[in-house]
Amino acid sequence: MGYENLIVVVLAAGMLLFGSKKLPDLFRSLDRAKSEYEKAKLEAQRELGRIQGPLDGGDTTRKSLEEISLKLDILNPESFSDEELTQSIQRIISAGSARQEGWLYSKSKKVFY
């Protein structure tokens, strides 16, 4: 028995059970239920995307930290944790203004004295 025959049998059973007058109402209500299901599914996907957005933001923060550290000549930024990298960047930035006050910076070692 193919799918075409199954559809004919279901339609015939529907006609017998519900009558020809109520059958269109039944299909309308089934269509509404399907539409509501699709709306709820889309809303759940949007909500999930909204929740996952901040979770995925950690990768973007890490990439930003690594880009900044490379511009500031910090070697192997991937070997540092986020906190250590942030502290190193802050030290370099604050030492940049301190260098004008007499601090020394060694380009070969990438270390502040």
N, C-alpha and C. Protein backbone atom coordinates (compact mmCIF):
# COMPACT_ATOMS: atom_id res chain seq x y z
N MET A 1 0.86 -1.18 0.00
CA MET A 1 0.00 0.00 0.00
C MET A 1 0.90 1.24 0.00
N GLY A 2 0.76 2.06 -1.02
CA GLY A 2 1.59 3.25 -1.15
C GLY A 2 1.01 4.42 -0.37
N TYR A 3 1.75 5.50 -0.37
CA TYR A 3 1.31 6.70 0.35
C TYR A 3 0.05 7.30 -0.25
N GLU A 4 -0.12 7.18 -1.58
CA GLU A 4 -1.31 7.73 -2.21
C GLU A 4 -2.56 7.04 -1.69
N ASN A 5 -2.48 5.71 -1.56
CA ASN A 5 -3.62 4.95 -1.05
C ASN A 5 -3.90 5.30 0.41
N LEU A 6 -2.85 5.52 1.17
CA LEU A 6 -3.00 5.86 2.58
C LEU A 6 -3.72 7.20 2.73
N ILE A 7 -3.37 8.16 1.89
CA ILE A 7 -4.02 9.47 1.94
C ILE A 7 -5.50 9.34 1.62
N VAL A 8 -5.83 8.53 0.62
CA VAL A 8 -7.23 8.32 0.24
C VAL A 8 -7.99 7.67 1.39
N VAL A 9 -7.38 6.70 2.05
CA VAL A 9 -8.04 6.02 3.17
C VAL A 9 -8.26 6.99 4.33
N VAL A 10 -7.27 7.83 4.64
CA VAL A 10 -7.41 8.80 5.73
C VAL A 10 -8.51 9.80 5.40
N LEU A 11 -8.55 10.30 4.17
CA LEU A 11 -9.61 11.24 3.78
C LEU A 11 -10.98 10.59 3.85
N ALA A 12 -11.08 9.34 3.43
CA ALA A 12 -12.37 8.64 3.48
C ALA A 12 -12.80 8.43 4.94
N ALA A 13 -11.85 8.07 5.80
CA ALA A 13 -12.18 7.88 7.22
C ALA A 13 -12.59 9.21 7.84
N GLY A 14 -11.93 10.29 7.46
CA GLY A 14 -12.29 11.62 7.96
C GLY A 14 -13.69 12.01 7.53
N MET A 15 -14.04 11.70 6.29
CA MET A 15 -15.39 12.02 5.79
C MET A 15 -16.44 11.24 6.57
N LEU A 16 -16.14 9.97 6.87
CA LEU A 16 -17.10 9.15 7.60
C LEU A 16 -17.24 9.61 9.06
N LEU A 17 -16.11 9.93 9.69
CA LEU A 17 -16.15 10.31 11.11
C LEU A 17 -16.69 11.72 11.33
N PHE A 18 -16.24 12.67 10.55
CA PHE A 18 -16.57 14.07 10.81
C PHE A 18 -17.63 14.64 9.87
N GLY A 19 -17.87 14.02 8.77
CA GLY A 19 -18.83 14.54 7.81
C GLY A 19 -18.16 15.55 6.90
N SER A 20 -18.78 15.80 5.78
CA SER A 20 -18.18 16.69 4.78
C SER A 20 -18.23 18.15 5.21
N LYS A 21 -19.12 18.52 6.12
CA LYS A 21 -19.24 19.92 6.55
C LYS A 21 -18.18 20.29 7.59
N LYS A 22 -17.82 19.35 8.45
CA LYS A 22 -16.86 19.65 9.51
C LYS A 22 -15.41 19.38 9.10
N LEU A 23 -15.22 18.70 8.01
CA LEU A 23 -13.87 18.37 7.58
C LEU A 23 -13.02 19.61 7.26
N PRO A 24 -13.54 20.64 6.56
CA PRO A 24 -12.74 21.85 6.34
C PRO A 24 -12.37 22.57 7.64
N ASP A 25 -13.30 22.58 8.61
CA ASP A 25 -13.00 23.19 9.91
C ASP A 25 -11.87 22.43 10.62
N LEU A 26 -11.91 21.12 10.49
CA LEU A 26 -10.87 20.29 11.10
C LEU A 26 -9.50 20.62 10.49
N PHE A 27 -9.45 20.73 9.17
CA PHE A 27 -8.17 21.05 8.52
C PHE A 27 -7.71 22.46 8.85
N ARG A 28 -8.64 23.40 8.99
CA ARG A 28 -8.27 24.77 9.39
C ARG A 28 -7.65 24.77 10.79
N SER A 29 -8.30 24.04 11.70
CA SER A 29 -7.76 24.01 13.06
C SER A 29 -6.41 23.30 13.10
N LEU A 30 -6.23 22.27 12.28
CA LEU A 30 -4.92 21.61 12.20
C LEU A 30 -3.87 22.56 11.64
N ASP A 31 -4.25 23.38 10.65
CA ASP A 31 -3.33 24.35 10.08
C ASP A 31 -2.95 25.41 11.11
N ARG A 32 -3.93 25.86 11.89
CA ARG A 32 -3.64 26.84 12.95
C ARG A 32 -2.68 26.25 13.99
N ALA A 33 -2.94 24.99 14.36
CA ALA A 33 -2.07 24.33 15.34
C ALA A 33 -0.64 24.23 14.79
N LYS A 34 -0.53 23.90 13.50
CA LYS A 34 0.80 23.81 12.88
C LYS A 34 1.48 25.17 12.87
N SER A 35 0.72 26.22 12.56
CA SER A 35 1.28 27.58 12.53
C SER A 35 1.75 28.00 13.92
N GLU A 36 0.96 27.71 14.94
CA GLU A 36 1.35 28.03 16.32
C GLU A 36 2.62 27.27 16.72
N TYR A 37 2.69 26.02 16.29
CA TYR A 37 3.89 25.22 16.58
C TYR A 37 5.12 25.85 15.94
N GLU A 38 5.00 26.26 14.68
CA GLU A 38 6.13 26.88 13.98
C GLU A 38 6.54 28.19 14.65
N LYS A 39 5.55 28.99 15.07
CA LYS A 39 5.86 30.25 15.76
C LYS A 39 6.62 29.99 17.06
N ALA A 40 6.13 29.00 17.83
CA ALA A 40 6.79 28.67 19.09
C ALA A 40 8.21 28.15 18.85
N LYS A 41 8.37 27.38 17.79
CA LYS A 41 9.69 26.84 17.45
C LYS A 41 10.66 27.97 17.09
N LEU A 42 10.21 28.93 16.27
CA LEU A 42 11.05 30.07 15.90
C LEU A 42 11.39 30.93 17.11
N GLU A 43 10.41 31.14 17.98
CA GLU A 43 10.64 31.94 19.19
C GLU A 43 11.68 31.25 20.09
N ALA A 44 11.57 29.93 20.21
CA ALA A 44 12.54 29.19 21.03
C ALA A 44 13.94 29.29 20.42
N GLN A 45 14.04 29.22 19.09
CA GLN A 45 15.34 29.34 18.44
C GLN A 45 15.93 30.74 18.63
N ARG A 46 15.08 31.77 18.54
CA ARG A 46 15.56 33.14 18.76
C ARG A 46 16.05 33.31 20.19
N GLU A 47 15.29 32.78 21.14
CA GLU A 47 15.66 32.90 22.55
C GLU A 47 16.98 32.17 22.80
N LEU A 48 17.12 31.00 22.22
CA LEU A 48 18.36 30.24 22.37
C LEU A 48 19.54 31.01 21.77
N GLY A 49 19.33 31.63 20.62
CA GLY A 49 20.38 32.44 20.01
C GLY A 49 20.74 33.64 20.86
N ARG A 50 19.73 34.25 21.49
CA ARG A 50 19.97 35.40 22.36
C ARG A 50 20.78 34.98 23.59
N ILE A 51 20.49 33.80 24.11
CA ILE A 51 21.21 33.32 25.29
C ILE A 51 22.63 32.90 24.92
N GLN A 52 22.80 32.26 23.76
CA GLN A 52 24.12 31.79 23.36
C GLN A 52 25.03 32.91 22.92
N GLY A 53 24.48 34.04 22.52
CA GLY A 53 25.28 35.17 22.07
C GLY A 53 26.34 35.58 23.07
N PRO A 54 25.96 35.87 24.33
CA PRO A 54 26.99 36.24 25.32
C PRO A 54 27.98 35.11 25.61
N LEU A 55 27.52 33.86 25.51
CA LEU A 55 28.43 32.75 25.75
C LEU A 55 29.50 32.68 24.67
N ASP A 56 29.11 32.94 23.43
CA ASP A 56 30.07 32.92 22.33
C ASP A 56 30.96 34.16 22.34
N GLY A 57 30.55 35.19 23.06
CA GLY A 57 31.32 36.43 23.11
C GLY A 57 32.68 36.25 23.74
N GLY A 58 32.86 35.20 24.55
CA GLY A 58 34.14 34.94 25.17
C GLY A 58 35.23 34.71 24.14
N ASP A 59 34.90 34.03 23.06
CA ASP A 59 35.87 33.80 21.99
C ASP A 59 36.28 35.11 21.35
N THR A 60 35.31 36.01 21.16
CA THR A 60 35.61 37.30 20.55
C THR A 60 36.51 38.11 21.47
N THR A 61 36.25 38.05 22.76
CA THR A 61 37.09 38.77 23.72
C THR A 61 38.51 38.23 23.67
N ARG A 62 38.64 36.93 23.62
CA ARG A 62 39.97 36.31 23.56
C ARG A 62 40.70 36.74 22.30
N LYS A 63 40.01 36.73 21.17
CA LYS A 63 40.63 37.16 19.91
C LYS A 63 41.07 38.61 20.00
N SER A 64 40.24 39.45 20.59
CA SER A 64 40.59 40.86 20.73
C SER A 64 41.83 41.03 21.60
N LEU A 65 41.88 40.29 22.70
CA LEU A 65 43.05 40.36 23.58
C LEU A 65 44.32 39.94 22.85
N GLU A 66 44.21 38.87 22.06
CA GLU A 66 45.39 38.39 21.33
C GLU A 66 45.83 39.40 20.27
N GLU A 67 44.87 40.03 19.59
CA GLU A 67 45.22 41.03 18.58
C GLU A 67 45.93 42.23 19.21
N ILE A 68 45.40 42.69 20.34
CA ILE A 68 46.02 43.83 21.03
C ILE A 68 47.42 43.46 21.51
N SER A 69 47.55 42.25 22.07
CA SER A 69 48.85 41.85 22.60
C SER A 69 49.89 41.72 21.48
N LEU A 70 49.48 41.27 20.31
CA LEU A 70 50.43 41.19 19.20
C LEU A 70 50.86 42.58 18.74
N LYS A 71 49.94 43.53 18.78
CA LYS A 71 50.28 44.91 18.41
C LYS A 71 51.24 45.52 19.43
N LEU A 72 51.14 45.06 20.67
CA LEU A 72 52.01 45.58 21.73
C LEU A 72 53.27 44.74 21.90
N ASP A 73 53.53 43.84 20.95
CA ASP A 73 54.74 43.00 20.94
C ASP A 73 54.84 42.06 22.14
N ILE A 74 53.74 41.52 22.59
CA ILE A 74 53.77 40.50 23.64
C ILE A 74 53.94 39.16 22.94
N LEU A 75 54.98 38.41 23.33
CA LEU A 75 55.26 37.14 22.69
C LEU A 75 54.33 36.04 23.20
N ASN A 76 53.90 35.16 22.33
CA ASN A 76 53.06 34.01 22.64
C ASN A 76 51.84 34.37 23.49
N PRO A 77 50.95 35.20 22.99
CA PRO A 77 49.78 35.57 23.79
C PRO A 77 48.86 34.38 24.08
N GLU A 78 48.93 33.33 23.25
CA GLU A 78 48.08 32.16 23.48
C GLU A 78 48.51 31.37 24.70
N SER A 79 49.73 31.59 25.20
CA SER A 79 50.20 30.87 26.38
C SER A 79 49.72 31.51 27.68
N PHE A 80 49.12 32.70 27.59
CA PHE A 80 48.62 33.39 28.77
C PHE A 80 47.12 33.15 28.94
N SER A 81 46.66 33.21 30.17
CA SER A 81 45.21 33.19 30.41
C SER A 81 44.65 34.57 30.08
N ASP A 82 43.33 34.67 29.99
CA ASP A 82 42.71 35.97 29.68
C ASP A 82 43.10 37.01 30.72
N GLU A 83 43.10 36.61 31.98
CA GLU A 83 43.41 37.55 33.06
C GLU A 83 44.86 38.01 32.98
N GLU A 84 45.78 37.07 32.75
CA GLU A 84 47.20 37.44 32.64
C GLU A 84 47.44 38.34 31.44
N LEU A 85 46.77 38.04 30.35
CA LEU A 85 46.93 38.86 29.14
C LEU A 85 46.40 40.26 29.36
N THR A 86 45.26 40.37 30.04
CA THR A 86 44.69 41.68 30.34
C THR A 86 45.63 42.48 31.24
N GLN A 87 46.19 41.82 32.25
CA GLN A 87 47.12 42.51 33.14
C GLN A 87 48.38 42.96 32.41
N SER A 88 48.89 42.12 31.51
CA SER A 88 50.08 42.50 30.74
C SER A 88 49.79 43.70 29.85
N ILE A 89 48.64 43.69 29.21
CA ILE A 89 48.26 44.82 28.35
C ILE A 89 48.14 46.09 29.17
N GLN A 90 47.51 45.98 30.34
CA GLN A 90 47.35 47.16 31.19
C GLN A 90 48.71 47.69 31.65
N ARG A 91 49.62 46.77 32.00
CA ARG A 91 50.96 47.19 32.42
C ARG A 91 51.70 47.91 31.30
N ILE A 92 51.59 47.38 30.09
CA ILE A 92 52.29 48.00 28.95
C ILE A 92 51.72 49.37 28.67
N ILE A 93 50.40 49.48 28.72
CA ILE A 93 49.78 50.78 28.44
C ILE A 93 50.15 51.79 29.51
N SER A 94 50.09 51.37 30.79
CA SER A 94 50.45 52.31 31.85
C SER A 94 51.95 52.61 31.83
N ALA A 95 52.76 51.63 31.45
CA ALA A 95 54.20 51.86 31.37
C ALA A 95 54.55 52.74 30.19
N GLY A 96 53.71 52.75 29.18
CA GLY A 96 53.95 53.63 28.04
C GLY A 96 53.97 55.07 28.48
N SER A 97 53.07 55.43 29.39
CA SER A 97 53.09 56.78 29.92
C SER A 97 54.22 56.92 30.94
N ALA A 98 54.57 55.83 31.63
CA ALA A 98 55.66 55.88 32.60
C ALA A 98 57.01 55.96 31.90
N ARG A 99 57.10 55.44 30.67
CA ARG A 99 58.35 55.49 29.93
C ARG A 99 58.76 56.94 29.70
N GLN A 100 57.78 57.77 29.52
CA GLN A 100 58.09 59.18 29.35
C GLN A 100 58.67 59.76 30.63
N GLU A 101 58.40 59.07 31.75
CA GLU A 101 58.92 59.55 33.03
C GLU A 101 60.24 58.87 33.39
N GLY A 102 60.84 58.08 32.48
CA GLY A 102 62.14 57.51 32.75
C GLY A 102 62.20 55.99 32.79
N TRP A 103 61.11 55.29 32.53
CA TRP A 103 61.14 53.84 32.52
C TRP A 103 61.82 53.37 31.25
N LEU A 104 62.45 52.20 31.30
CA LEU A 104 63.12 51.64 30.14
C LEU A 104 62.31 50.48 29.57
N TYR A 105 62.39 50.32 28.27
CA TYR A 105 61.69 49.22 27.60
C TYR A 105 62.66 48.52 26.68
N SER A 106 62.79 47.22 26.85
CA SER A 106 63.70 46.44 26.02
C SER A 106 62.91 45.76 24.92
N LYS A 107 63.11 46.15 23.67
CA LYS A 107 62.38 45.56 22.54
C LYS A 107 62.75 44.10 22.35
N SER A 108 64.01 43.73 22.64
CA SER A 108 64.43 42.36 22.41
C SER A 108 63.77 41.40 23.39
N LYS A 109 63.58 41.80 24.63
CA LYS A 109 63.00 40.92 25.63
C LYS A 109 61.50 41.15 25.82
N LYS A 110 60.99 42.23 25.31
CA LYS A 110 59.58 42.58 25.45
C LYS A 110 59.17 42.65 26.93
N VAL A 111 60.05 43.19 27.74
CA VAL A 111 59.82 43.27 29.17
C VAL A 111 60.07 44.70 29.62
N PHE A 112 59.28 45.16 30.56
CA PHE A 112 59.50 46.48 31.13
C PHE A 112 60.36 46.35 32.37
N TYR A 113 61.23 47.33 32.54
CA TYR A 113 62.09 47.35 33.73
C TYR A 113 61.64 48.45 34.64
